[in-house]
Structures are given as C-alpha cells and as structure tokens.
Amino acid sequence: MEGMVFTRKWMRFLHWLIIGNFVIESGYGLYMIFFAVGGSRWPLMGRSIETPIEVILNRRLYAIETWIVIASLATYLAITVFLPTILKCLPIIKRFLN
C-alpha cells in the first residue's frame, strides 16, 4: 500500500507539472504576441501597413504556437479530468434513462 500512495503522489505531481507547463507556455506566447515582438501593445490594426514583415511573421508564429499549446491543454484536460468523470457517471446515466 505504501508504494501505491507514493506512486499516486508522484502522478498527481506530474499531472500538475504538465498543466503548469501548459499555462506558463500559454502566458509566454501571449506575452510575446502582444508585448515583446514589435514593441507594440494589442493588435496592430492600421499600423500593420508600416510594420516590417518580419515582425508580423514573428507575431504570427508565436500566435500559432500559442494556439497549439492552448489546444493541447484542452485535450489533456479532456482526457485526464473530464473523461474519467464522465465514465464514472455513465452507469448512473444509463440507469436513469432505462
């Protein structure tokens, strides 16, 4: 029983480490898009005409990276948190429907 508790603690730690990594990466990507690259804040709007193409492409690459991280976080949470909860409730739902 001791080994199982030890393993559960490490699995919980690893779970939160993965979630924290996704959150930090999302924050980093948003920071790079809106504050660091190009020196401007918020979307470019009309300033995109005079902004160098390299800056626009860098912001676009960071935006793609951020969307991938956000989608990965949503998928990870769906598989590890929501799916087990749904599977636990499935017998109750089946009994209710019958």
PDB file of N, CA and C in Angstrom:
ATOM      1  N   MET A   1       0.816  -1.197   0.000  1.00  0.00           N
ATOM      2  CA  MET A   1       0.000   0.000   0.000  1.00  0.00           C
ATOM      3  C   MET A   1       0.859   1.260   0.000  1.00  0.00           C
ATOM      4  N   GLU A   2       2.012   1.200   0.643  1.00  0.00           N
ATOM      5  CA  GLU A   2       2.896   2.362   0.706  1.00  0.00           C
ATOM      6  C   GLU A   2       3.367   2.775  -0.690  1.00  0.00           C
ATOM      7  N   GLY A   3       3.725   1.791  -1.513  1.00  0.00           N
ATOM      8  CA  GLY A   3       4.200   2.088  -2.861  1.00  0.00           C
ATOM      9  C   GLY A   3       3.120   2.723  -3.714  1.00  0.00           C
ATOM     10  N   MET A   4       1.870   2.322  -3.484  1.00  0.00           N
ATOM     11  CA  MET A   4       0.768   2.867  -4.266  1.00  0.00           C
ATOM     12  C   MET A   4       0.522   4.337  -3.912  1.00  0.00           C
ATOM     13  N   VAL A   5       0.609   4.664  -2.639  1.00  0.00           N
ATOM     14  CA  VAL A   5       0.441   6.047  -2.213  1.00  0.00           C
ATOM     15  C   VAL A   5       1.573   6.903  -2.780  1.00  0.00           C
ATOM     16  N   PHE A   6       2.783   6.367  -2.737  1.00  0.00           N
ATOM     17  CA  PHE A   6       3.935   7.075  -3.285  1.00  0.00           C
ATOM     18  C   PHE A   6       3.740   7.329  -4.774  1.00  0.00           C
ATOM     19  N   THR A   7       3.268   6.341  -5.500  1.00  0.00           N
ATOM     20  CA  THR A   7       3.048   6.485  -6.932  1.00  0.00           C
ATOM     21  C   THR A   7       1.945   7.500  -7.214  1.00  0.00           C
ATOM     22  N   ARG A   8       0.859   7.471  -6.429  1.00  0.00           N
ATOM     23  CA  ARG A   8      -0.223   8.433  -6.635  1.00  0.00           C
ATOM     24  C   ARG A   8       0.240   9.862  -6.402  1.00  0.00           C
ATOM     25  N   LYS A   9       1.081  10.063  -5.395  1.00  0.00           N
ATOM     26  CA  LYS A   9       1.598  11.404  -5.138  1.00  0.00           C
ATOM     27  C   LYS A   9       2.434  11.884  -6.313  1.00  0.00           C
ATOM     28  N   TRP A  10       3.290  11.014  -6.848  1.00  0.00           N
ATOM     29  CA  TRP A  10       4.114  11.399  -7.979  1.00  0.00           C
ATOM     30  C   TRP A  10       3.272  11.630  -9.230  1.00  0.00           C
ATOM     31  N   MET A  11       2.243  10.838  -9.426  1.00  0.00           N
ATOM     32  CA  MET A  11       1.375  11.026 -10.584  1.00  0.00           C
ATOM     33  C   MET A  11       0.617  12.346 -10.476  1.00  0.00           C
ATOM     34  N   ARG A  12       0.158  12.683  -9.278  1.00  0.00           N
ATOM     35  CA  ARG A  12      -0.520  13.961  -9.075  1.00  0.00           C
ATOM     36  C   ARG A  12       0.448  15.123  -9.306  1.00  0.00           C
ATOM     37  N   PHE A  13       1.677  14.973  -8.805  1.00  0.00           N
ATOM     38  CA  PHE A  13       2.695  15.994  -9.023  1.00  0.00           C
ATOM     39  C   PHE A  13       2.980  16.160 -10.515  1.00  0.00           C
ATOM     40  N   LEU A  14       3.129  15.058 -11.226  1.00  0.00           N
ATOM     41  CA  LEU A  14       3.389  15.104 -12.660  1.00  0.00           C
ATOM     42  C   LEU A  14       2.214  15.730 -13.413  1.00  0.00           C
ATOM     43  N   HIS A  15       0.990  15.401 -13.013  1.00  0.00           N
ATOM     44  CA  HIS A  15      -0.207  15.963 -13.622  1.00  0.00           C
ATOM     45  C   HIS A  15      -0.206  17.489 -13.495  1.00  0.00           C
ATOM     46  N   TRP A  16       0.037  17.993 -12.304  1.00  0.00           N
ATOM     47  CA  TRP A  16       0.043  19.442 -12.097  1.00  0.00           C
ATOM     48  C   TRP A  16       1.250  20.105 -12.751  1.00  0.00           C
ATOM     49  N   LEU A  17       2.362  19.387 -12.848  1.00  0.00           N
ATOM     50  CA  LEU A  17       3.529  19.915 -13.546  1.00  0.00           C
ATOM     51  C   LEU A  17       3.223  20.105 -15.033  1.00  0.00           C
ATOM     52  N   ILE A  18       2.539  19.147 -15.632  1.00  0.00           N
ATOM     53  CA  ILE A  18       2.161  19.254 -17.044  1.00  0.00           C
ATOM     54  C   ILE A  18       1.195  20.411 -17.253  1.00  0.00           C
ATOM     55  N   ILE A  19       0.201  20.527 -16.389  1.00  0.00           N
ATOM     56  CA  ILE A  19      -0.758  21.630 -16.506  1.00  0.00           C
ATOM     57  C   ILE A  19      -0.048  22.976 -16.319  1.00  0.00           C
ATOM     58  N   GLY A  20       0.828  23.059 -15.340  1.00  0.00           N
ATOM     59  CA  GLY A  20       1.581  24.297 -15.120  1.00  0.00           C
ATOM     60  C   GLY A  20       2.447  24.665 -16.310  1.00  0.00           C
ATOM     61  N   ASN A  21       3.057  23.664 -16.925  1.00  0.00           N
ATOM     62  CA  ASN A  21       3.869  23.915 -18.111  1.00  0.00           C
ATOM     63  C   ASN A  21       3.015  24.475 -19.246  1.00  0.00           C
ATOM     64  N   PHE A  22       1.825  23.912 -19.449  1.00  0.00           N
ATOM     65  CA  PHE A  22       0.930  24.427 -20.483  1.00  0.00           C
ATOM     66  C   PHE A  22       0.518  25.869 -20.189  1.00  0.00           C
ATOM     67  N   VAL A  23       0.198  26.155 -18.946  1.00  0.00           N
ATOM     68  CA  VAL A  23      -0.243  27.512 -18.578  1.00  0.00           C
ATOM     69  C   VAL A  23       0.888  28.519 -18.750  1.00  0.00           C
ATOM     70  N   ILE A  24       2.084  28.162 -18.306  1.00  0.00           N
ATOM     71  CA  ILE A  24       3.230  29.064 -18.449  1.00  0.00           C
ATOM     72  C   ILE A  24       3.546  29.299 -19.919  1.00  0.00           C
ATOM     73  N   GLU A  25       3.501  28.245 -20.724  1.00  0.00           N
ATOM     74  CA  GLU A  25       3.769  28.391 -22.153  1.00  0.00           C
ATOM     75  C   GLU A  25       2.711  29.264 -22.829  1.00  0.00           C
ATOM     76  N   SER A  26       1.453  29.135 -22.409  1.00  0.00           N
ATOM     77  CA  SER A  26       0.397  29.982 -22.964  1.00  0.00           C
ATOM     78  C   SER A  26       0.632  31.447 -22.596  1.00  0.00           C
ATOM     79  N   GLY A  27       0.975  31.699 -21.353  1.00  0.00           N
ATOM     80  CA  GLY A  27       1.262  33.061 -20.914  1.00  0.00           C
ATOM     81  C   GLY A  27       2.461  33.646 -21.642  1.00  0.00           C
ATOM     82  N   TYR A  28       3.485  32.832 -21.825  1.00  0.00           N
ATOM     83  CA  TYR A  28       4.672  33.286 -22.549  1.00  0.00           C
ATOM     84  C   TYR A  28       4.319  33.648 -23.988  1.00  0.00           C
ATOM     85  N   GLY A  29       3.537  32.797 -24.646  1.00  0.00           N
ATOM     86  CA  GLY A  29       3.147  33.071 -26.021  1.00  0.00           C
ATOM     87  C   GLY A  29       2.322  34.343 -26.139  1.00  0.00           C
ATOM     88  N   LEU A  30       1.374  34.522 -25.230  1.00  0.00           N
ATOM     89  CA  LEU A  30       0.555  35.742 -25.250  1.00  0.00           C
ATOM     90  C   LEU A  30       1.407  36.984 -24.990  1.00  0.00           C
ATOM     91  N   TYR A  31       2.357  36.866 -24.073  1.00  0.00           N
ATOM     92  CA  TYR A  31       3.261  37.990 -23.806  1.00  0.00           C
ATOM     93  C   TYR A  31       4.072  38.341 -25.046  1.00  0.00           C
ATOM     94  N   MET A  32       4.592  37.318 -25.726  1.00  0.00           N
ATOM     95  CA  MET A  32       5.400  37.561 -26.913  1.00  0.00           C
ATOM     96  C   MET A  32       4.567  38.165 -28.043  1.00  0.00           C
ATOM     97  N   ILE A  33       3.321  37.745 -28.162  1.00  0.00           N
ATOM     98  CA  ILE A  33       2.469  38.269 -29.232  1.00  0.00           C
ATOM     99  C   ILE A  33       2.123  39.731 -28.984  1.00  0.00           C
ATOM    100  N   PHE A  34       1.672  40.042 -27.781  1.00  0.00           N
ATOM    101  CA  PHE A  34       1.103  41.364 -27.535  1.00  0.00           C
ATOM    102  C   PHE A  34       2.067  42.396 -26.965  1.00  0.00           C
ATOM    103  N   PHE A  35       3.181  41.991 -26.367  1.00  0.00           N
ATOM    104  CA  PHE A  35       4.032  42.966 -25.700  1.00  0.00           C
ATOM    105  C   PHE A  35       5.479  42.985 -26.189  1.00  0.00           C
ATOM    106  N   ALA A  36       6.074  41.843 -26.478  1.00  0.00           N
ATOM    107  CA  ALA A  36       7.515  41.813 -26.744  1.00  0.00           C
ATOM    108  C   ALA A  36       7.861  42.012 -28.213  1.00  0.00           C
ATOM    109  N   VAL A  37       7.249  41.250 -29.094  1.00  0.00           N
ATOM    110  CA  VAL A  37       7.627  41.300 -30.505  1.00  0.00           C
ATOM    111  C   VAL A  37       7.018  42.538 -31.149  1.00  0.00           C
ATOM    112  N   GLY A  38       7.864  43.358 -31.719  1.00  0.00           N
ATOM    113  CA  GLY A  38       7.399  44.552 -32.414  1.00  0.00           C
ATOM    114  C   GLY A  38       7.266  45.770 -31.534  1.00  0.00           C
ATOM    115  N   GLY A  39       7.346  45.614 -30.244  1.00  0.00           N
ATOM    116  CA  GLY A  39       7.299  46.743 -29.335  1.00  0.00           C
ATOM    117  C   GLY A  39       5.938  47.412 -29.204  1.00  0.00           C
ATOM    118  N   SER A  40       4.898  46.799 -29.742  1.00  0.00           N
ATOM    119  CA  SER A  40       3.582  47.424 -29.631  1.00  0.00           C
ATOM    120  C   SER A  40       2.705  46.601 -28.700  1.00  0.00           C
ATOM    121  N   ARG A  41       1.637  47.224 -28.273  1.00  0.00           N
ATOM    122  CA  ARG A  41       0.684  46.524 -27.419  1.00  0.00           C
ATOM    123  C   ARG A  41      -0.614  46.395 -28.182  1.00  0.00           C
ATOM    124  N   TRP A  42      -1.251  45.236 -28.010  1.00  0.00           N
ATOM    125  CA  TRP A  42      -2.532  44.948 -28.639  1.00  0.00           C
ATOM    126  C   TRP A  42      -2.371  44.689 -30.136  1.00  0.00           C
ATOM    127  N   PRO A  43      -3.436  44.392 -30.828  1.00  0.00           N
ATOM    128  CA  PRO A  43      -3.332  44.089 -32.265  1.00  0.00           C
ATOM    129  C   PRO A  43      -2.821  45.293 -33.063  1.00  0.00           C
ATOM    130  N   LEU A  44      -2.218  45.002 -34.182  1.00  0.00           N
ATOM    131  CA  LEU A  44      -1.606  46.062 -34.981  1.00  0.00           C
ATOM    132  C   LEU A  44      -2.625  46.955 -35.673  1.00  0.00           C
ATOM    133  N   MET A  45      -3.728  46.394 -36.134  1.00  0.00           N
ATOM    134  CA  MET A  45      -4.775  47.129 -36.858  1.00  0.00           C
ATOM    135  C   MET A  45      -4.161  47.931 -38.006  1.00  0.00           C
ATOM    136  N   GLY A  46      -4.303  49.254 -38.022  1.00  0.00           N
ATOM    137  CA  GLY A  46      -3.825  50.093 -39.113  1.00  0.00           C
ATOM    138  C   GLY A  46      -2.313  50.216 -39.180  1.00  0.00           C
ATOM    139  N   ARG A  47      -1.635  49.937 -38.071  1.00  0.00           N
ATOM    140  CA  ARG A  47      -0.174  50.047 -38.058  1.00  0.00           C
ATOM    141  C   ARG A  47       0.484  48.904 -38.809  1.00  0.00           C
ATOM    142  N   SER A  48      -0.291  47.902 -39.207  1.00  0.00           N
ATOM    143  CA  SER A  48       0.310  46.765 -39.898  1.00  0.00           C
ATOM    144  C   SER A  48       0.869  47.155 -41.259  1.00  0.00           C
ATOM    145  N   ILE A  49       0.429  48.273 -41.805  1.00  0.00           N
ATOM    146  CA  ILE A  49       0.931  48.721 -43.107  1.00  0.00           C
ATOM    147  C   ILE A  49       2.399  49.131 -43.008  1.00  0.00           C
ATOM    148  N   GLU A  50       2.762  49.848 -41.957  1.00  0.00           N
ATOM    149  CA  GLU A  50       4.154  50.285 -41.831  1.00  0.00           C
ATOM    150  C   GLU A  50       5.025  49.350 -40.994  1.00  0.00           C
ATOM    151  N   THR A  51       4.458  48.297 -40.458  1.00  0.00           N
ATOM    152  CA  THR A  51       5.225  47.331 -39.668  1.00  0.00           C
ATOM    153  C   THR A  51       5.996  46.401 -40.596  1.00  0.00           C
ATOM    154  N   PRO A  52       7.277  46.154 -40.309  1.00  0.00           N
ATOM    155  CA  PRO A  52       8.061  45.237 -41.157  1.00  0.00           C
ATOM    156  C   PRO A  52       7.448  43.837 -41.180  1.00  0.00           C
ATOM    157  N   ILE A  53       7.593  43.184 -42.307  1.00  0.00           N
ATOM    158  CA  ILE A  53       7.007  41.859 -42.489  1.00  0.00           C
ATOM    159  C   ILE A  53       7.602  40.841 -41.510  1.00  0.00           C
ATOM    160  N   GLU A  54       8.870  41.018 -41.113  1.00  0.00           N
ATOM    161  CA  GLU A  54       9.499  40.091 -40.166  1.00  0.00           C
ATOM    162  C   GLU A  54       8.783  40.113 -38.816  1.00  0.00           C
ATOM    163  N   VAL A  55       8.388  41.299 -38.384  1.00  0.00           N
ATOM    164  CA  VAL A  55       7.677  41.436 -37.109  1.00  0.00           C
ATOM    165  C   VAL A  55       6.310  40.764 -37.200  1.00  0.00           C
ATOM    166  N   ILE A  56       5.627  40.979 -38.302  1.00  0.00           N
ATOM    167  CA  ILE A  56       4.306  40.370 -38.468  1.00  0.00           C
ATOM    168  C   ILE A  56       4.422  38.853 -38.496  1.00  0.00           C
ATOM    169  N   LEU A  57       5.429  38.330 -39.207  1.00  0.00           N
ATOM    170  CA  LEU A  57       5.609  36.880 -39.274  1.00  0.00           C
ATOM    171  C   LEU A  57       5.995  36.293 -37.920  1.00  0.00           C
ATOM    172  N   ASN A  58       6.844  37.009 -37.170  1.00  0.00           N
ATOM    173  CA  ASN A  58       7.202  36.530 -35.825  1.00  0.00           C
ATOM    174  C   ASN A  58       5.973  36.464 -34.925  1.00  0.00           C
ATOM    175  N   ARG A  59       5.152  37.511 -34.968  1.00  0.00           N
ATOM    176  CA  ARG A  59       3.940  37.508 -34.152  1.00  0.00           C
ATOM    177  C   ARG A  59       3.004  36.381 -34.568  1.00  0.00           C
ATOM    178  N   ARG A  60       2.916  36.151 -35.864  1.00  0.00           N
ATOM    179  CA  ARG A  60       2.049  35.080 -36.360  1.00  0.00           C
ATOM    180  C   ARG A  60       2.553  33.708 -35.917  1.00  0.00           C
ATOM    181  N   LEU A  61       3.872  33.505 -35.932  1.00  0.00           N
ATOM    182  CA  LEU A  61       4.428  32.227 -35.478  1.00  0.00           C
ATOM    183  C   LEU A  61       4.171  32.012 -33.982  1.00  0.00           C
ATOM    184  N   TYR A  62       4.345  33.065 -33.192  1.00  0.00           N
ATOM    185  CA  TYR A  62       4.038  32.940 -31.764  1.00  0.00           C
ATOM    186  C   TYR A  62       2.548  32.678 -31.543  1.00  0.00           C
ATOM    187  N   ALA A  63       1.694  33.281 -32.372  1.00  0.00           N
ATOM    188  CA  ALA A  63       0.255  33.046 -32.242  1.00  0.00           C
ATOM    189  C   ALA A  63      -0.083  31.592 -32.550  1.00  0.00           C
ATOM    190  N   ILE A  64       0.530  31.034 -33.582  1.00  0.00           N
ATOM    191  CA  ILE A  64       0.292  29.619 -33.912  1.00  0.00           C
ATOM    192  C   ILE A  64       0.769  28.729 -32.777  1.00  0.00           C
ATOM    193  N   GLU A  65       1.954  29.021 -32.254  1.00  0.00           N
ATOM    194  CA  GLU A  65       2.477  28.231 -31.134  1.00  0.00           C
ATOM    195  C   GLU A  65       1.544  28.303 -29.926  1.00  0.00           C
ATOM    196  N   THR A  66       1.016  29.489 -29.646  1.00  0.00           N
ATOM    197  CA  THR A  66       0.113  29.655 -28.505  1.00  0.00           C
ATOM    198  C   THR A  66      -1.183  28.881 -28.708  1.00  0.00           C
ATOM    199  N   TRP A  67      -1.732  28.906 -29.906  1.00  0.00           N
ATOM    200  CA  TRP A  67      -2.957  28.143 -30.168  1.00  0.00           C
ATOM    201  C   TRP A  67      -2.722  26.648 -30.035  1.00  0.00           C
ATOM    202  N   ILE A  68      -1.554  26.176 -30.473  1.00  0.00           N
ATOM    203  CA  ILE A  68      -1.244  24.748 -30.320  1.00  0.00           C
ATOM    204  C   ILE A  68      -1.176  24.380 -28.849  1.00  0.00           C
ATOM    205  N   VAL A  69      -0.555  25.227 -28.042  1.00  0.00           N
ATOM    206  CA  VAL A  69      -0.443  24.950 -26.602  1.00  0.00           C
ATOM    207  C   VAL A  69      -1.821  24.965 -25.938  1.00  0.00           C
ATOM    208  N   ILE A  70      -2.661  25.928 -26.287  1.00  0.00           N
ATOM    209  CA  ILE A  70      -3.997  26.003 -25.691  1.00  0.00           C
ATOM    210  C   ILE A  70      -4.832  24.791 -26.088  1.00  0.00           C
ATOM    211  N   ALA A  71      -4.745  24.389 -27.353  1.00  0.00           N
ATOM    212  CA  ALA A  71      -5.478  23.193 -27.800  1.00  0.00           C
ATOM    213  C   ALA A  71      -4.944  21.935 -27.118  1.00  0.00           C
ATOM    214  N   SER A  72      -3.640  21.868 -26.916  1.00  0.00           N
ATOM    215  CA  SER A  72      -3.057  20.711 -26.227  1.00  0.00           C
ATOM    216  C   SER A  72      -3.499  20.657 -24.771  1.00  0.00           C
ATOM    217  N   LEU A  73      -3.566  21.811 -24.116  1.00  0.00           N
ATOM    218  CA  LEU A  73      -4.055  21.849 -22.733  1.00  0.00           C
ATOM    219  C   LEU A  73      -5.497  21.388 -22.659  1.00  0.00           C
ATOM    220  N   ALA A  74      -6.327  21.853 -23.581  1.00  0.00           N
ATOM    221  CA  ALA A  74      -7.737  21.438 -23.585  1.00  0.00           C
ATOM    222  C   ALA A  74      -7.860  19.942 -23.811  1.00  0.00           C
ATOM    223  N   THR A  75      -7.061  19.394 -24.721  1.00  0.00           N
ATOM    224  CA  THR A  75      -7.092  17.946 -24.978  1.00  0.00           C
ATOM    225  C   THR A  75      -6.614  17.169 -23.760  1.00  0.00           C
ATOM    226  N   TYR A  76      -5.533  17.611 -23.140  1.00  0.00           N
ATOM    227  CA  TYR A  76      -5.016  16.932 -21.955  1.00  0.00           C
ATOM    228  C   TYR A  76      -6.041  16.932 -20.823  1.00  0.00           C
ATOM    229  N   LEU A  77      -6.670  18.074 -20.588  1.00  0.00           N
ATOM    230  CA  LEU A  77      -7.685  18.142 -19.538  1.00  0.00           C
ATOM    231  C   LEU A  77      -8.893  17.275 -19.872  1.00  0.00           C
ATOM    232  N   ALA A  78      -9.274  17.237 -21.136  1.00  0.00           N
ATOM    233  CA  ALA A  78     -10.413  16.409 -21.536  1.00  0.00           C
ATOM    234  C   ALA A  78     -10.129  14.937 -21.281  1.00  0.00           C
ATOM    235  N   ILE A  79      -8.915  14.502 -21.549  1.00  0.00           N
ATOM    236  CA  ILE A  79      -8.581  13.086 -21.383  1.00  0.00           C
ATOM    237  C   ILE A  79      -8.351  12.727 -19.921  1.00  0.00           C
ATOM    238  N   THR A  80      -7.675  13.578 -19.175  1.00  0.00           N
ATOM    239  CA  THR A  80      -7.284  13.201 -17.815  1.00  0.00           C
ATOM    240  C   THR A  80      -8.276  13.605 -16.735  1.00  0.00           C
ATOM    241  N   VAL A  81      -9.091  14.616 -16.979  1.00  0.00           N
ATOM    242  CA  VAL A  81     -10.002  15.095 -15.939  1.00  0.00           C
ATOM    243  C   VAL A  81     -11.455  14.790 -16.284  1.00  0.00           C
ATOM    244  N   PHE A  82     -11.893  15.233 -17.444  1.00  0.00           N
ATOM    245  CA  PHE A  82     -13.314  15.134 -17.775  1.00  0.00           C
ATOM    246  C   PHE A  82     -13.737  13.733 -18.196  1.00  0.00           C
ATOM    247  N   LEU A  83     -12.915  13.029 -18.971  1.00  0.00           N
ATOM    248  CA  LEU A  83     -13.284  11.687 -19.412  1.00  0.00           C
ATOM    249  C   LEU A  83     -13.475  10.716 -18.247  1.00  0.00           C
ATOM    250  N   PRO A  84     -12.571  10.654 -17.258  1.00  0.00           N
ATOM    251  CA  PRO A  84     -12.823   9.762 -16.124  1.00  0.00           C
ATOM    252  C   PRO A  84     -14.103  10.102 -15.360  1.00  0.00           C
ATOM    253  N   THR A  85     -14.408  11.376 -15.231  1.00  0.00           N
ATOM    254  CA  THR A  85     -15.640  11.781 -14.552  1.00  0.00           C
ATOM    255  C   THR A  85     -16.864  11.320 -15.334  1.00  0.00           C
ATOM    256  N   ILE A  86     -16.827  11.473 -16.641  1.00  0.00           N
ATOM    257  CA  ILE A  86     -17.946  11.035 -17.475  1.00  0.00           C
ATOM    258  C   ILE A  86     -18.097   9.525 -17.416  1.00  0.00           C
ATOM    259  N   LEU A  87     -16.988   8.811 -17.449  1.00  0.00           N
ATOM    260  CA  LEU A  87     -17.059   7.347 -17.401  1.00  0.00           C
ATOM    261  C   LEU A  87     -17.576   6.846 -16.051  1.00  0.00           C
ATOM    262  N   LYS A  88     -17.270   7.559 -14.972  1.00  0.00           N
ATOM    263  CA  LYS A  88     -17.809   7.191 -13.662  1.00  0.00           C
ATOM    264  C   LYS A  88     -19.320   7.387 -13.619  1.00  0.00           C
ATOM    265  N   CYS A  89     -19.804   8.434 -14.250  1.00  0.00           N
ATOM    266  CA  CYS A  89     -21.231   8.753 -14.218  1.00  0.00           C
ATOM    267  C   CYS A  89     -22.032   7.979 -15.258  1.00  0.00           C
ATOM    268  N   LEU A  90     -21.393   7.303 -16.181  1.00  0.00           N
ATOM    269  CA  LEU A  90     -22.090   6.612 -17.256  1.00  0.00           C
ATOM    270  C   LEU A  90     -23.080   5.559 -16.761  1.00  0.00           C
ATOM    271  N   PRO A  91     -22.746   4.704 -15.781  1.00  0.00           N
ATOM    272  CA  PRO A  91     -23.737   3.737 -15.281  1.00  0.00           C
ATOM    273  C   PRO A  91     -24.964   4.417 -14.656  1.00  0.00           C
ATOM    274  N   ILE A  92     -24.744   5.525 -13.986  1.00  0.00           N
ATOM    275  CA  ILE A  92     -25.861   6.249 -13.372  1.00  0.00           C
ATOM    276  C   ILE A  92     -26.773   6.805 -14.454  1.00  0.00           C
ATOM    277  N   ILE A  93     -26.192   7.327 -15.489  1.00  0.00           N
ATOM    278  CA  ILE A  93     -26.975   7.887 -16.594  1.00  0.00           C
ATOM    279  C   ILE A  93     -27.755   6.777 -17.299  1.00  0.00           C
ATOM    280  N   LYS A  94     -27.124   5.630 -17.498  1.00  0.00           N
ATOM    281  CA  LYS A  94     -27.820   4.504 -18.162  1.00  0.00           C
ATOM    282  C   LYS A  94     -28.998   4.038 -17.317  1.00  0.00           C
ATOM    283  N   ARG A  95     -28.816   3.952 -15.990  1.00  0.00           N
ATOM    284  CA  ARG A  95     -29.933   3.544 -15.122  1.00  0.00           C
ATOM    285  C   ARG A  95     -31.057   4.568 -15.150  1.00  0.00           C
ATOM    286  N   PHE A  96     -30.703   5.833 -15.230  1.00  0.00           N
ATOM    287  CA  PHE A  96     -31.700   6.889 -15.260  1.00  0.00           C
ATOM    288  C   PHE A  96     -32.506   6.847 -16.555  1.00  0.00           C
ATOM    289  N   LEU A  97     -31.862   6.531 -17.676  1.00  0.00           N
ATOM    290  CA  LEU A  97     -32.531   6.515 -18.967  1.00  0.00           C
ATOM    291  C   LEU A  97     -33.416   5.273 -19.145  1.00  0.00           C
ATOM    292  N   ASN A  98     -33.104   4.204 -18.460  1.00  0.00           N
ATOM    293  CA  ASN A  98     -33.903   2.970 -18.612  1.00  0.00           C
ATOM    294  C   ASN A  98     -35.105   2.964 -17.753  1.00  0.00           C
TER     295      ASN A  98
END
